[in-house]
Amino acid sequence: MQTWTAVAHRGDPYRFRENTLASLRSALDRGADAVEIDVRLTRDGVPVLLHDDILKRLWEVDRPLASLTASQVTELTAGGIPTLAEALSATEGMRVMADLCGGVTPRTAARILDVVRESGAEDRVYYSAGAQSLLTLRAAAPTAELALTWTSKARPRPALLTALRPHYLNYRFSLIDRDLANQVHKEGYLLSAWTPDTGRSMRKLLSLGADSITTNRIDTLTALRARTG
């Protein structure tokens, strides 16, 4: 029987604000196999959960995250933006896909990897990003599990794949068709899709052999699994 991973995109954002502890816990309560979180660093090097580089959209604070210390972030959002350490504690025992949306430098990689190691979460955290960020992370973490985010149907260069050794090739769901899915599997990679939010799109991806689906509608995806087994 085919098995696949249901990943909750930023938690359960239609019920709770994305990338908050409440959102992550809600997603796990609804049956997610893993949660996807967005990780960036504060000015003083603390990894926290935020997708945007500015706090305006979610927190009505028109300040760049990189200009704020962790204590300032806590004060300005009333503790709403969790640290990576807090998120890993709240999801203890569950898989976490850390999306490195702010880009990765050697300093960024070191801080994130330190927190994951100190949290005892190395065996359950995997990392998604574009090629350049993952190359930097791979240099710092030779055994980390990686999901290479790819936004074109053009095949990633063989030299890049050799350097990265990703587990997943992570495509925008609308790019995936039978030929692409077959190619990914033929080359020995797992196929990850983001972010379909309708049952129809999810069923199509599963019929094509997707190994992982990341969605904002984790309730729809887990309900589909319950119906189909």
Foldseek 3Di string as FASTA:
>chain_A
DAAAFEEEEQAQCVVPPGQFLVRNLVLVVLPGQEYEFEWDAALVGFIWTDQDQACCPPQNHGDGRNDGHPVVVCVSRVNGIGTPLVNCVSQPPGAYEYEHNVAADLSNLVSVVVSCVVSVNQVRYAYEYAQVRLLSNCVVPVPGAYEHEDEDLDDPDPVSCVSRVHQEDEYALVSDDLVSLVVCVVVPHAYEYDEDEDLVSVVRCVVSPHRYYYYSPSNSVVVVVVVVD
